[in-house]
PDB file of N, CA and C in Angstrom:
ATOM      1  N   MET A   1      87.492 104.121 120.327  1.00  0.00           N
ATOM      2  CA  MET A   1      88.263 103.790 119.136  1.00  0.00           C
ATOM      3  C   MET A   1      87.432 103.767 117.934  1.00  0.00           C
ATOM      4  N   ARG A   2      86.193 103.350 118.059  1.00  0.00           N
ATOM      5  CA  ARG A   2      85.339 103.159 116.962  1.00  0.00           C
ATOM      6  C   ARG A   2      85.092 104.474 116.230  1.00  0.00           C
ATOM      7  N   ASN A   3      84.873 105.568 116.956  1.00  0.00           N
ATOM      8  CA  ASN A   3      84.671 106.827 116.357  1.00  0.00           C
ATOM      9  C   ASN A   3      85.909 107.330 115.510  1.00  0.00           C
ATOM     10  N   ARG A   4      87.067 106.960 115.984  1.00  0.00           N
ATOM     11  CA  ARG A   4      88.294 107.300 115.230  1.00  0.00           C
ATOM     12  C   ARG A   4      88.320 106.570 113.881  1.00  0.00           C
ATOM     13  N   ASN A   5      87.884 105.334 113.944  1.00  0.00           N
ATOM     14  CA  ASN A   5      87.875 104.555 112.736  1.00  0.00           C
ATOM     15  C   ASN A   5      86.894 105.061 111.719  1.00  0.00           C
ATOM     16  N   TYR A   6      85.716 105.498 112.214  1.00  0.00           N
ATOM     17  CA  TYR A   6      84.734 106.051 111.289  1.00  0.00           C
ATOM     18  C   TYR A   6      85.204 107.471 110.760  1.00  0.00           C
ATOM     19  N   MET A   7      85.902 108.179 111.577  1.00  0.00           N
ATOM     20  CA  MET A   7      86.485 109.386 111.185  1.00  0.00           C
ATOM     21  C   MET A   7      87.492 109.141 110.100  1.00  0.00           C
ATOM     22  N   LEU A   8      88.231 108.122 110.218  1.00  0.00           N
ATOM     23  CA  LEU A   8      89.277 107.727 109.159  1.00  0.00           C
ATOM     24  C   LEU A   8      88.582 107.437 107.871  1.00  0.00           C
ATOM     25  N   ILE A   9      87.455 106.636 107.979  1.00  0.00           N
ATOM     26  CA  ILE A   9      86.784 106.249 106.710  1.00  0.00           C
ATOM     27  C   ILE A   9      86.158 107.491 106.114  1.00  0.00           C
ATOM     28  N   GLY A  10      85.584 108.364 106.851  1.00  0.00           N
ATOM     29  CA  GLY A  10      85.031 109.566 106.322  1.00  0.00           C
ATOM     30  C   GLY A  10      86.094 110.487 105.719  1.00  0.00           C
ATOM     31  N   THR A  11      87.221 110.465 106.310  1.00  0.00           N
ATOM     32  CA  THR A  11      88.336 111.296 105.773  1.00  0.00           C
ATOM     33  C   THR A  11      88.801 110.695 104.468  1.00  0.00           C
ATOM     34  N   GLY A  12      88.847 109.424 104.425  1.00  0.00           N
ATOM     35  CA  GLY A  12      89.225 108.749 103.135  1.00  0.00           C
ATOM     36  C   GLY A  12      88.237 109.076 102.002  1.00  0.00           C
ATOM     37  N   ALA A  13      86.935 109.052 102.361  1.00  0.00           N
ATOM     38  CA  ALA A  13      85.879 109.413 101.416  1.00  0.00           C
ATOM     39  C   ALA A  13      86.017 110.852 100.967  1.00  0.00           C
ATOM     40  N   PHE A  14      86.314 111.767 101.892  1.00  0.00           N
ATOM     41  CA  PHE A  14      86.537 113.198 101.558  1.00  0.00           C
ATOM     42  C   PHE A  14      87.745 113.308 100.615  1.00  0.00           C
ATOM     43  N   THR A  15      88.827 112.595 100.894  1.00  0.00           N
ATOM     44  CA  THR A  15      90.006 112.591 100.102  1.00  0.00           C
ATOM     45  C   THR A  15      89.667 112.128  98.612  1.00  0.00           C
ATOM     46  N   LEU A  16      88.818 111.129  98.493  1.00  0.00           N
ATOM     47  CA  LEU A  16      88.421 110.695  97.199  1.00  0.00           C
ATOM     48  C   LEU A  16      87.563 111.767  96.501  1.00  0.00           C
ATOM     49  N   ALA A  17      86.640 112.367  97.176  1.00  0.00           N
ATOM     50  CA  ALA A  17      85.842 113.423  96.600  1.00  0.00           C
ATOM     51  C   ALA A  17      86.768 114.542  96.145  1.00  0.00           C
ATOM     52  N   LEU A  18      87.675 114.923  96.970  1.00  0.00           N
ATOM     53  CA  LEU A  18      88.591 116.035  96.576  1.00  0.00           C
ATOM     54  C   LEU A  18      89.410 115.636  95.319  1.00  0.00           C
ATOM     55  N   ALA A  19      89.858 114.304  95.258  1.00  0.00           N
ATOM     56  CA  ALA A  19      90.593 113.854  94.078  1.00  0.00           C
ATOM     57  C   ALA A  19      89.665 113.999  92.808  1.00  0.00           C
ATOM     58  N   ALA A  20      88.420 113.688  92.946  1.00  0.00           N
ATOM     59  CA  ALA A  20      87.508 113.837  91.771  1.00  0.00           C
ATOM     60  C   ALA A  20      87.401 115.246  91.371  1.00  0.00           C
ATOM     61  N   VAL A  21      87.213 116.209  92.327  1.00  0.00           N
ATOM     62  CA  VAL A  21      87.131 117.563  91.993  1.00  0.00           C
ATOM     63  C   VAL A  21      88.427 118.088  91.357  1.00  0.00           C
ATOM     64  N   LEU A  22      89.566 117.753  91.984  1.00  0.00           N
ATOM     65  CA  LEU A  22      90.831 118.214  91.392  1.00  0.00           C
ATOM     66  C   LEU A  22      91.124 117.580  90.072  1.00  0.00           C
ATOM     67  N   GLY A  23      90.759 116.352  89.860  1.00  0.00           N
ATOM     68  CA  GLY A  23      90.905 115.719  88.548  1.00  0.00           C
ATOM     69  C   GLY A  23      90.128 116.407  87.474  1.00  0.00           C
ATOM     70  N   ALA A  24      88.826 116.669  87.808  1.00  0.00           N
ATOM     71  CA  ALA A  24      87.965 117.384  86.891  1.00  0.00           C
ATOM     72  C   ALA A  24      88.407 118.843  86.592  1.00  0.00           C
ATOM     73  N   TYR A  25      88.828 119.525  87.650  1.00  0.00           N
ATOM     74  CA  TYR A  25      89.348 120.855  87.423  1.00  0.00           C
ATOM     75  C   TYR A  25      90.638 120.842  86.610  1.00  0.00           C
ATOM     76  N   GLY A  26      91.453 119.870  86.847  1.00  0.00           N
ATOM     77  CA  GLY A  26      92.712 119.744  86.082  1.00  0.00           C
ATOM     78  C   GLY A  26      92.422 119.598  84.661  1.00  0.00           C
ATOM     79  N   SER A  27      91.467 118.694  84.343  1.00  0.00           N
ATOM     80  CA  SER A  27      91.095 118.473  82.923  1.00  0.00           C
ATOM     81  C   SER A  27      90.616 119.763  82.156  1.00  0.00           C
ATOM     82  N   HIS A  28      89.887 120.539  82.928  1.00  0.00           N
ATOM     83  CA  HIS A  28      89.293 121.739  82.298  1.00  0.00           C
ATOM     84  C   HIS A  28      89.989 122.971  82.555  1.00  0.00           C
ATOM     85  N   GLY A  29      90.769 123.142  83.657  1.00  0.00           N
ATOM     86  CA  GLY A  29      91.419 124.349  84.045  1.00  0.00           C
ATOM     87  C   GLY A  29      92.852 124.412  84.064  1.00  0.00           C
ATOM     88  N   VAL A  30      93.526 123.258  84.164  1.00  0.00           N
ATOM     89  CA  VAL A  30      94.981 123.167  84.337  1.00  0.00           C
ATOM     90  C   VAL A  30      95.649 122.727  83.066  1.00  0.00           C
ATOM     91  N   GLN A  31      95.091 121.644  82.449  1.00  0.00           N
ATOM     92  CA  GLN A  31      95.660 121.089  81.228  1.00  0.00           C
ATOM     93  C   GLN A  31      95.611 122.217  80.161  1.00  0.00           C
ATOM     94  N   GLY A  32      96.617 122.352  79.478  1.00  0.00           N
ATOM     95  CA  GLY A  32      96.724 123.431  78.430  1.00  0.00           C
ATOM     96  C   GLY A  32      97.273 124.779  79.043  1.00  0.00           C
ATOM     97  N   ALA A  33      97.072 124.956  80.308  1.00  0.00           N
ATOM     98  CA  ALA A  33      97.588 126.197  80.930  1.00  0.00           C
ATOM     99  C   ALA A  33      99.013 125.979  81.484  1.00  0.00           C
ATOM    100  N   VAL A  34      99.453 124.717  81.541  1.00  0.00           N
ATOM    101  CA  VAL A  34     100.852 124.405  82.058  1.00  0.00           C
ATOM    102  C   VAL A  34     101.592 123.569  81.033  1.00  0.00           C
ATOM    103  N   ASP A  35     102.795 123.504  81.194  1.00  0.00           N
ATOM    104  CA  ASP A  35     103.664 122.622  80.258  1.00  0.00           C
ATOM    105  C   ASP A  35     103.349 121.131  80.475  1.00  0.00           C
ATOM    106  N   ALA A  36     103.821 120.360  79.596  1.00  0.00           N
ATOM    107  CA  ALA A  36     103.482 118.896  79.612  1.00  0.00           C
ATOM    108  C   ALA A  36     104.037 118.214  80.876  1.00  0.00           C
ATOM    109  N   GLN A  37     105.215 118.578  81.311  1.00  0.00           N
ATOM    110  CA  GLN A  37     105.790 117.987  82.543  1.00  0.00           C
ATOM    111  C   GLN A  37     104.919 118.301  83.802  1.00  0.00           C
ATOM    112  N   THR A  38     104.534 119.541  83.915  1.00  0.00           N
ATOM    113  CA  THR A  38     103.712 119.993  85.046  1.00  0.00           C
ATOM    114  C   THR A  38     102.386 119.231  84.970  1.00  0.00           C
ATOM    115  N   TRP A  39     101.785 119.170  83.798  1.00  0.00           N
ATOM    116  CA  TRP A  39     100.520 118.429  83.652  1.00  0.00           C
ATOM    117  C   TRP A  39     100.662 116.944  84.074  1.00  0.00           C
ATOM    118  N   ALA A  40     101.758 116.391  83.622  1.00  0.00           N
ATOM    119  CA  ALA A  40     101.940 114.917  83.966  1.00  0.00           C
ATOM    120  C   ALA A  40     102.110 114.772  85.498  1.00  0.00           C
ATOM    121  N   ALA A  41     102.800 115.681  86.138  1.00  0.00           N
ATOM    122  CA  ALA A  41     102.945 115.642  87.592  1.00  0.00           C
ATOM    123  C   ALA A  41     101.617 115.794  88.270  1.00  0.00           C
ATOM    124  N   TYR A  42     100.799 116.717  87.732  1.00  0.00           N
ATOM    125  CA  TYR A  42      99.410 117.000  88.331  1.00  0.00           C
ATOM    126  C   TYR A  42      98.626 115.731  88.194  1.00  0.00           C
ATOM    127  N   GLU A  43      98.631 115.014  87.114  1.00  0.00           N
ATOM    128  CA  GLU A  43      97.882 113.838  86.877  1.00  0.00           C
ATOM    129  C   GLU A  43      98.352 112.726  87.902  1.00  0.00           C
ATOM    130  N   VAL A  44      99.638 112.642  88.192  1.00  0.00           N
ATOM    131  CA  VAL A  44     100.209 111.720  89.048  1.00  0.00           C
ATOM    132  C   VAL A  44      99.660 112.010  90.483  1.00  0.00           C
ATOM    133  N   ALA A  45      99.625 113.328  90.826  1.00  0.00           N
ATOM    134  CA  ALA A  45      99.102 113.743  92.167  1.00  0.00           C
ATOM    135  C   ALA A  45      97.674 113.282  92.346  1.00  0.00           C
ATOM    136  N   VAL A  46      96.844 113.535  91.341  1.00  0.00           N
ATOM    137  CA  VAL A  46      95.476 113.080  91.402  1.00  0.00           C
ATOM    138  C   VAL A  46      95.280 111.589  91.547  1.00  0.00           C
ATOM    139  N   ASP A  47      96.035 110.920  90.776  1.00  0.00           N
ATOM    140  CA  ASP A  47      96.022 109.359  90.775  1.00  0.00           C
ATOM    141  C   ASP A  47      96.389 108.895  92.150  1.00  0.00           C
ATOM    142  N   TYR A  48      97.500 109.388  92.684  1.00  0.00           N
ATOM    143  CA  TYR A  48      98.015 108.927  93.931  1.00  0.00           C
ATOM    144  C   TYR A  48      97.031 109.278  95.051  1.00  0.00           C
ATOM    145  N   GLN A  49      96.452 110.496  95.021  1.00  0.00           N
ATOM    146  CA  GLN A  49      95.513 110.853  95.935  1.00  0.00           C
ATOM    147  C   GLN A  49      94.280 109.883  95.907  1.00  0.00           C
ATOM    148  N   PHE A  50      93.847 109.577  94.731  1.00  0.00           N
ATOM    149  CA  PHE A  50      92.709 108.639  94.630  1.00  0.00           C
ATOM    150  C   PHE A  50      93.032 107.214  95.162  1.00  0.00           C
ATOM    151  N   TYR A  51      94.184 106.693  94.748  1.00  0.00           N
ATOM    152  CA  TYR A  51      94.552 105.290  95.252  1.00  0.00           C
ATOM    153  C   TYR A  51      94.718 105.335  96.749  1.00  0.00           C
ATOM    154  N   HIS A  52      95.361 106.313  97.251  1.00  0.00           N
ATOM    155  CA  HIS A  52      95.652 106.274  98.697  1.00  0.00           C
ATOM    156  C   HIS A  52      94.454 106.722  99.527  1.00  0.00           C
ATOM    157  N   GLY A  53      93.513 107.397  98.873  1.00  0.00           N
ATOM    158  CA  GLY A  53      92.280 107.629  99.544  1.00  0.00           C
ATOM    159  C   GLY A  53      91.501 106.353  99.813  1.00  0.00           C
ATOM    160  N   LEU A  54      91.509 105.437  98.836  1.00  0.00           N
ATOM    161  CA  LEU A  54      90.962 104.079  99.009  1.00  0.00           C
ATOM    162  C   LEU A  54      91.689 103.371 100.144  1.00  0.00           C
ATOM    163  N   GLY A  55      93.053 103.527 100.180  1.00  0.00           N
ATOM    164  CA  GLY A  55      93.804 102.919 101.235  1.00  0.00           C
ATOM    165  C   GLY A  55      93.416 103.441 102.599  1.00  0.00           C
ATOM    166  N   ILE A  56      93.172 104.673 102.712  1.00  0.00           N
ATOM    167  CA  ILE A  56      92.717 105.301 104.017  1.00  0.00           C
ATOM    168  C   ILE A  56      91.373 104.625 104.456  1.00  0.00           C
ATOM    169  N   ILE A  57      90.395 104.471 103.524  1.00  0.00           N
ATOM    170  CA  ILE A  57      89.210 103.830 103.887  1.00  0.00           C
ATOM    171  C   ILE A  57      89.431 102.385 104.259  1.00  0.00           C
ATOM    172  N   VAL A  58      90.279 101.652 103.583  1.00  0.00           N
ATOM    173  CA  VAL A  58      90.602 100.290 103.880  1.00  0.00           C
ATOM    174  C   VAL A  58      91.252 100.210 105.313  1.00  0.00           C
ATOM    175  N   ALA A  59      92.173 101.118 105.625  1.00  0.00           N
ATOM    176  CA  ALA A  59      92.753 101.132 106.901  1.00  0.00           C
ATOM    177  C   ALA A  59      91.695 101.340 108.032  1.00  0.00           C
ATOM    178  N   GLY A  60      90.806 102.277 107.721  1.00  0.00           N
ATOM    179  CA  GLY A  60      89.673 102.470 108.758  1.00  0.00           C
ATOM    180  C   GLY A  60      88.894 101.272 109.003  1.00  0.00           C
ATOM    181  N   MET A  61      88.558 100.613 107.910  1.00  0.00           N
ATOM    182  CA  MET A  61      87.743  99.368 107.978  1.00  0.00           C
ATOM    183  C   MET A  61      88.511  98.225 108.681  1.00  0.00           C
ATOM    184  N   LEU A  62      89.791  98.079 108.383  1.00  0.00           N
ATOM    185  CA  LEU A  62      90.578  97.046 108.998  1.00  0.00           C
ATOM    186  C   LEU A  62      90.756  97.339 110.523  1.00  0.00           C
ATOM    187  N   ALA A  63      90.863  98.654 110.786  1.00  0.00           N
ATOM    188  CA  ALA A  63      91.037  99.069 112.192  1.00  0.00           C
ATOM    189  C   ALA A  63      89.817  98.723 113.038  1.00  0.00           C
ATOM    190  N   GLU A  64      88.657  98.641 112.360  1.00  0.00           N
ATOM    191  CA  GLU A  64      87.454  98.161 113.000  1.00  0.00           C
ATOM    192  C   GLU A  64      87.555  96.652 113.383  1.00  0.00           C
ATOM    193  N   ARG A  65      88.179  95.928 112.489  1.00  0.00           N
ATOM    194  CA  ARG A  65      88.349  94.482 112.669  1.00  0.00           C
ATOM    195  C   ARG A  65      89.463  94.096 113.513  1.00  0.00           C
ATOM    196  N   ALA A  66      90.481  94.941 113.651  1.00  0.00           N
ATOM    197  CA  ALA A  66      91.661  94.679 114.457  1.00  0.00           C
ATOM    198  C   ALA A  66      91.818  95.780 115.457  1.00  0.00           C
ATOM    199  N   PRO A  67      90.898  95.913 116.429  1.00  0.00           N
ATOM    200  CA  PRO A  67      90.953  97.089 117.271  1.00  0.00           C
ATOM    201  C   PRO A  67      92.119  97.194 118.227  1.00  0.00           C
ATOM    202  N   ASN A  68      92.945  96.062 118.325  1.00  0.00           N
ATOM    203  CA  ASN A  68      94.062  96.108 119.235  1.00  0.00           C
ATOM    204  C   ASN A  68      95.349  96.472 118.549  1.00  0.00           C
ATOM    205  N   SER A  69      95.296  96.649 117.216  1.00  0.00           N
ATOM    206  CA  SER A  69      96.494  96.910 116.408  1.00  0.00           C
ATOM    207  C   SER A  69      96.658  98.389 116.182  1.00  0.00           C
ATOM    208  N   ARG A  70      97.627  98.941 116.884  1.00  0.00           N
ATOM    209  CA  ARG A  70      97.933 100.359 116.702  1.00  0.00           C
ATOM    210  C   ARG A  70      98.507 100.609 115.348  1.00  0.00           C
ATOM    211  N   TRP A  71      99.216  99.637 114.827  1.00  0.00           N
ATOM    212  CA  TRP A  71      99.824  99.744 113.483  1.00  0.00           C
ATOM    213  C   TRP A  71      98.766 100.021 112.428  1.00  0.00           C
ATOM    214  N   VAL A  72      97.736  99.222 112.503  1.00  0.00           N
ATOM    215  CA  VAL A  72      96.612  99.374 111.497  1.00  0.00           C
ATOM    216  C   VAL A  72      96.007 100.738 111.754  1.00  0.00           C
ATOM    217  N   ALA A  73      95.672 101.091 112.965  1.00  0.00           N
ATOM    218  CA  ALA A  73      95.027 102.328 113.274  1.00  0.00           C
ATOM    219  C   ALA A  73      95.813 103.523 112.735  1.00  0.00           C
ATOM    220  N   TYR A  74      97.129 103.486 112.927  1.00  0.00           N
ATOM    221  CA  TYR A  74      97.980 104.687 112.496  1.00  0.00           C
ATOM    222  C   TYR A  74      98.213 104.640 111.021  1.00  0.00           C
ATOM    223  N   SER A  75      98.111 103.489 110.358  1.00  0.00           N
ATOM    224  CA  SER A  75      98.432 103.443 108.950  1.00  0.00           C
ATOM    225  C   SER A  75      97.626 104.403 108.113  1.00  0.00           C
ATOM    226  N   GLY A  76      96.270 104.534 108.452  1.00  0.00           N
ATOM    227  CA  GLY A  76      95.443 105.445 107.634  1.00  0.00           C
ATOM    228  C   GLY A  76      95.858 106.899 107.788  1.00  0.00           C
ATOM    229  N   TRP A  77      96.166 107.214 109.015  1.00  0.00           N
ATOM    230  CA  TRP A  77      96.598 108.608 109.313  1.00  0.00           C
ATOM    231  C   TRP A  77      97.964 108.947 108.659  1.00  0.00           C
ATOM    232  N   ILE A  78      98.834 107.950 108.562  1.00  0.00           N
ATOM    233  CA  ILE A  78     100.130 108.144 107.920  1.00  0.00           C
ATOM    234  C   ILE A  78      99.882 108.267 106.476  1.00  0.00           C
ATOM    235  N   LEU A  79      98.968 107.443 105.844  1.00  0.00           N
ATOM    236  CA  LEU A  79      98.628 107.626 104.459  1.00  0.00           C
ATOM    237  C   LEU A  79      98.077 108.980 104.177  1.00  0.00           C
ATOM    238  N   LEU A  80      97.197 109.438 105.086  1.00  0.00           N
ATOM    239  CA  LEU A  80      96.685 110.840 104.818  1.00  0.00           C
ATOM    240  C   LEU A  80      97.778 111.866 104.819  1.00  0.00           C
ATOM    241  N   PHE A  81      98.761 111.767 105.780  1.00  0.00           N
ATOM    242  CA  PHE A  81      99.828 112.687 105.786  1.00  0.00           C
ATOM    243  C   PHE A  81     100.603 112.623 104.429  1.00  0.00           C
ATOM    244  N   GLY A  82     100.779 111.373 103.938  1.00  0.00           N
ATOM    245  CA  GLY A  82     101.529 111.196 102.689  1.00  0.00           C
ATOM    246  C   GLY A  82     100.723 111.843 101.531  1.00  0.00           C
ATOM    247  N   VAL A  83      99.453 111.696 101.474  1.00  0.00           N
ATOM    248  CA  VAL A  83      98.651 112.340 100.401  1.00  0.00           C
ATOM    249  C   VAL A  83      98.768 113.795 100.487  1.00  0.00           C
ATOM    250  N   ILE A  84      98.623 114.313 101.701  1.00  0.00           N
ATOM    251  CA  ILE A  84      98.725 115.865 101.890  1.00  0.00           C
ATOM    252  C   ILE A  84     100.086 116.292 101.407  1.00  0.00           C
ATOM    253  N   ALA A  85     101.158 115.677 101.829  1.00  0.00           N
ATOM    254  CA  ALA A  85     102.503 116.127 101.486  1.00  0.00           C
ATOM    255  C   ALA A  85     102.842 115.848 100.057  1.00  0.00           C
ATOM    256  N   PHE A  86     102.572 114.662  99.640  1.00  0.00           N
ATOM    257  CA  PHE A  86     102.912 114.216  98.236  1.00  0.00           C
ATOM    258  C   PHE A  86     102.109 115.059  97.200  1.00  0.00           C
ATOM    259  N   SER A  87     100.772 114.725  97.213  1.00  0.00           N
ATOM    260  CA  SER A  87      99.902 115.378  96.209  1.00  0.00           C
ATOM    261  C   SER A  87      99.801 116.860  96.403  1.00  0.00           C
ATOM    262  N   GLY A  88      99.739 117.286  97.727  1.00  0.00           N
ATOM    263  CA  GLY A  88      99.624 118.686  98.057  1.00  0.00           C
ATOM    264  C   GLY A  88     100.820 119.434  97.547  1.00  0.00           C
ATOM    265  N   GLY A  89     101.991 118.850  97.663  1.00  0.00           N
ATOM    266  CA  GLY A  89     103.304 119.534  97.196  1.00  0.00           C
ATOM    267  C   GLY A  89     103.191 119.712  95.683  1.00  0.00           C
ATOM    268  N   ILE A  90     102.736 118.737  94.990  1.00  0.00           N
ATOM    269  CA  ILE A  90     102.561 118.882  93.530  1.00  0.00           C
ATOM    270  C   ILE A  90     101.536 119.867  93.123  1.00  0.00           C
ATOM    271  N   TYR A  91     100.355 119.841  93.800  1.00  0.00           N
ATOM    272  CA  TYR A  91      99.300 120.845  93.539  1.00  0.00           C
ATOM    273  C   TYR A  91      99.810 122.226  93.749  1.00  0.00           C
ATOM    274  N   ALA A  92     100.522 122.419  94.898  1.00  0.00           N
ATOM    275  CA  ALA A  92     101.018 123.786  95.248  1.00  0.00           C
ATOM    276  C   ALA A  92     101.933 124.291  94.216  1.00  0.00           C
ATOM    277  N   THR A  93     102.916 123.524  93.758  1.00  0.00           N
ATOM    278  CA  THR A  93     103.881 124.020  92.739  1.00  0.00           C
ATOM    279  C   THR A  93     103.162 124.205  91.390  1.00  0.00           C
ATOM    280  N   THR A  94     102.171 123.358  91.084  1.00  0.00           N
ATOM    281  CA  THR A  94     101.396 123.573  89.836  1.00  0.00           C
ATOM    282  C   THR A  94     100.753 124.880  89.780  1.00  0.00           C
ATOM    283  N   PHE A  95     100.209 125.309  90.947  1.00  0.00           N
ATOM    284  CA  PHE A  95      99.466 126.562  91.127  1.00  0.00           C
ATOM    285  C   PHE A  95     100.402 127.754  91.451  1.00  0.00           C
ATOM    286  N   GLY A  96     101.713 127.587  91.368  1.00  0.00           N
ATOM    287  CA  GLY A  96     102.608 128.738  91.478  1.00  0.00           C
ATOM    288  C   GLY A  96     103.362 128.830  92.773  1.00  0.00           C
ATOM    289  N   ALA A  97     103.251 127.928  93.704  1.00  0.00           N
ATOM    290  CA  ALA A  97     103.934 128.009  94.944  1.00  0.00           C
ATOM    291  C   ALA A  97     105.476 127.847  94.662  1.00  0.00           C
ATOM    292  N   PRO A  98     106.315 128.397  95.572  1.00  0.00           N
ATOM    293  CA  PRO A  98     107.701 128.321  95.326  1.00  0.00           C
ATOM    294  C   PRO A  98     108.150 126.860  95.222  1.00  0.00           C
ATOM    295  N   ASP A  99     109.231 126.560  94.520  1.00  0.00           N
ATOM    296  CA  ASP A  99     109.782 125.228  94.294  1.00  0.00           C
ATOM    297  C   ASP A  99     110.125 124.513  95.672  1.00  0.00           C
ATOM    298  N   ALA A 100     110.435 125.391  96.613  1.00  0.00           N
ATOM    299  CA  ALA A 100     110.834 124.771  97.921  1.00  0.00           C
ATOM    300  C   ALA A 100     109.663 124.017  98.514  1.00  0.00           C
ATOM    301  N   ILE A 101     108.392 124.401  98.205  1.00  0.00           N
ATOM    302  CA  ILE A 101     107.280 123.588  98.680  1.00  0.00           C
ATOM    303  C   ILE A 101     107.243 122.230  98.033  1.00  0.00           C
ATOM    304  N   GLY A 102     107.811 122.111  96.851  1.00  0.00           N
ATOM    305  CA  GLY A 102     107.967 120.870  96.156  1.00  0.00           C
ATOM    306  C   GLY A 102     108.748 119.853  96.912  1.00  0.00           C
ATOM    307  N   ALA A 103     109.593 120.404  97.869  1.00  0.00           N
ATOM    308  CA  ALA A 103     110.400 119.456  98.745  1.00  0.00           C
ATOM    309  C   ALA A 103     109.498 118.580  99.581  1.00  0.00           C
ATOM    310  N   LEU A 104     108.267 118.896  99.717  1.00  0.00           N
ATOM    311  CA  LEU A 104     107.314 118.101 100.551  1.00  0.00           C
ATOM    312  C   LEU A 104     106.984 116.784  99.806  1.00  0.00           C
ATOM    313  N   THR A 105     107.106 116.831  98.492  1.00  0.00           N
ATOM    314  CA  THR A 105     106.657 115.684  97.674  1.00  0.00           C
ATOM    315  C   THR A 105     107.381 114.450  98.038  1.00  0.00           C
ATOM    316  N   PRO A 106     108.748 114.390  98.074  1.00  0.00           N
ATOM    317  CA  PRO A 106     109.373 113.076  98.387  1.00  0.00           C
ATOM    318  C   PRO A 106     109.106 112.675  99.855  1.00  0.00           C
ATOM    319  N   ILE A 107     108.955 113.658 100.803  1.00  0.00           N
ATOM    320  CA  ILE A 107     108.596 113.387 102.162  1.00  0.00           C
ATOM    321  C   ILE A 107     107.250 112.671 102.193  1.00  0.00           C
ATOM    322  N   GLY A 108     106.275 113.192 101.411  1.00  0.00           N
ATOM    323  CA  GLY A 108     104.986 112.572 101.241  1.00  0.00           C
ATOM    324  C   GLY A 108     105.065 111.154 100.699  1.00  0.00           C
ATOM    325  N   GLY A 109     105.924 111.016  99.697  1.00  0.00           N
ATOM    326  CA  GLY A 109     106.156 109.625  99.127  1.00  0.00           C
ATOM    327  C   GLY A 109     106.639 108.658 100.135  1.00  0.00           C
ATOM    328  N   VAL A 110     107.488 109.084 101.011  1.00  0.00           N
ATOM    329  CA  VAL A 110     107.996 108.175 102.108  1.00  0.00           C
ATOM    330  C   VAL A 110     106.881 107.926 103.084  1.00  0.00           C
ATOM    331  N   GLY A 111     106.044 108.860 103.315  1.00  0.00           N
ATOM    332  CA  GLY A 111     104.871 108.766 104.155  1.00  0.00           C
ATOM    333  C   GLY A 111     103.836 107.713 103.628  1.00  0.00           C
ATOM    334  N   LEU A 112     103.724 107.769 102.318  1.00  0.00           N
ATOM    335  CA  LEU A 112     102.776 106.749 101.621  1.00  0.00           C
ATOM    336  C   LEU A 112     103.373 105.356 101.795  1.00  0.00           C
ATOM    337  N   ILE A 113     104.660 105.212 101.621  1.00  0.00           N
ATOM    338  CA  ILE A 113     105.240 103.916 101.782  1.00  0.00           C
ATOM    339  C   ILE A 113     105.156 103.400 103.243  1.00  0.00           C
ATOM    340  N   VAL A 114     105.526 104.308 104.176  1.00  0.00           N
ATOM    341  CA  VAL A 114     105.403 103.943 105.569  1.00  0.00           C
ATOM    342  C   VAL A 114     104.005 103.530 105.994  1.00  0.00           C
ATOM    343  N   GLY A 115     103.029 104.268 105.474  1.00  0.00           N
ATOM    344  CA  GLY A 115     101.633 103.979 105.722  1.00  0.00           C
ATOM    345  C   GLY A 115     101.253 102.544 105.303  1.00  0.00           C
ATOM    346  N   TRP A 116     101.611 102.183 104.061  1.00  0.00           N
ATOM    347  CA  TRP A 116     101.331 100.850 103.563  1.00  0.00           C
ATOM    348  C   TRP A 116     102.039  99.734 104.395  1.00  0.00           C
ATOM    349  N   LEU A 117     103.314 100.069 104.722  1.00  0.00           N
ATOM    350  CA  LEU A 117     104.117  99.117 105.514  1.00  0.00           C
ATOM    351  C   LEU A 117     103.448  98.962 106.909  1.00  0.00           C
ATOM    352  N   SER A 118     103.024 100.012 107.481  1.00  0.00           N
ATOM    353  CA  SER A 118     102.323 100.022 108.772  1.00  0.00           C
ATOM    354  C   SER A 118     101.104  99.137 108.735  1.00  0.00           C
ATOM    355  N   LEU A 119     100.319  99.295 107.627  1.00  0.00           N
ATOM    356  CA  LEU A 119      99.120  98.578 107.407  1.00  0.00           C
ATOM    357  C   LEU A 119      99.450  97.029 107.359  1.00  0.00           C
ATOM    358  N   ALA A 120     100.387  96.729 106.500  1.00  0.00           N
ATOM    359  CA  ALA A 120     100.862  95.333 106.308  1.00  0.00           C
ATOM    360  C   ALA A 120     101.301  94.678 107.586  1.00  0.00           C
ATOM    361  N   PHE A 121     102.186  95.390 108.344  1.00  0.00           N
ATOM    362  CA  PHE A 121     102.735  94.963 109.555  1.00  0.00           C
ATOM    363  C   PHE A 121     101.598  94.714 110.662  1.00  0.00           C
ATOM    364  N   GLY A 122     100.737  95.701 110.680  1.00  0.00           N
ATOM    365  CA  GLY A 122      99.559  95.646 111.643  1.00  0.00           C
ATOM    366  C   GLY A 122      98.595  94.426 111.313  1.00  0.00           C
ATOM    367  N   VAL A 123      98.400  94.212 110.098  1.00  0.00           N
ATOM    368  CA  VAL A 123      97.464  93.114 109.665  1.00  0.00           C
ATOM    369  C   VAL A 123      98.147  91.795 109.985  1.00  0.00           C
ATOM    370  N   VAL A 124      99.426  91.673 109.699  1.00  0.00           N
ATOM    371  CA  VAL A 124     100.158  90.440 109.942  1.00  0.00           C
ATOM    372  C   VAL A 124     100.194  90.074 111.418  1.00  0.00           C
ATOM    373  N   ARG A 125     100.336  91.117 112.234  1.00  0.00           N
ATOM    374  CA  ARG A 125     100.428  90.927 113.689  1.00  0.00           C
ATOM    375  C   ARG A 125      99.186  90.918 114.411  1.00  0.00           C
ATOM    376  N   ALA A 126      98.018  91.291 113.694  1.00  0.00           N
ATOM    377  CA  ALA A 126      96.709  91.333 114.389  1.00  0.00           C
ATOM    378  C   ALA A 126      96.294  89.947 114.878  1.00  0.00           C
ATOM    379  N   GLU A 127      95.721  89.975 116.045  1.00  0.00           N
ATOM    380  CA  GLU A 127      95.263  88.743 116.648  1.00  0.00           C
ATOM    381  C   GLU A 127      93.765  88.527 116.511  1.00  0.00           C
TER     382      GLU A 127
END
């Protein structure tokens, strides 16, 4: 179990690094090349990726402290799914993917909510 927790923490750190790269690229390569609404969505995607990357790290750290809680262990992976679907859907449409790909965004948003609820439930129930 320990290796999975470290993998989750490393994945969260990678998620944060990627958010920094995409944020910097957005400021220099996307802003001005897209309309204001698309740029605003892109910024939200970067922000959400950053915040939830921190959440993934926290989930991995808490999973170390509550090794018997599957809810805590799964919460980080659910948050990762949410980031990929939510932010990834916005990034994809920003870079020209069909609007149908944007349908992933609300699914990812639900994933983010479920991930946080899973973490909360797992921490409350941890022994």
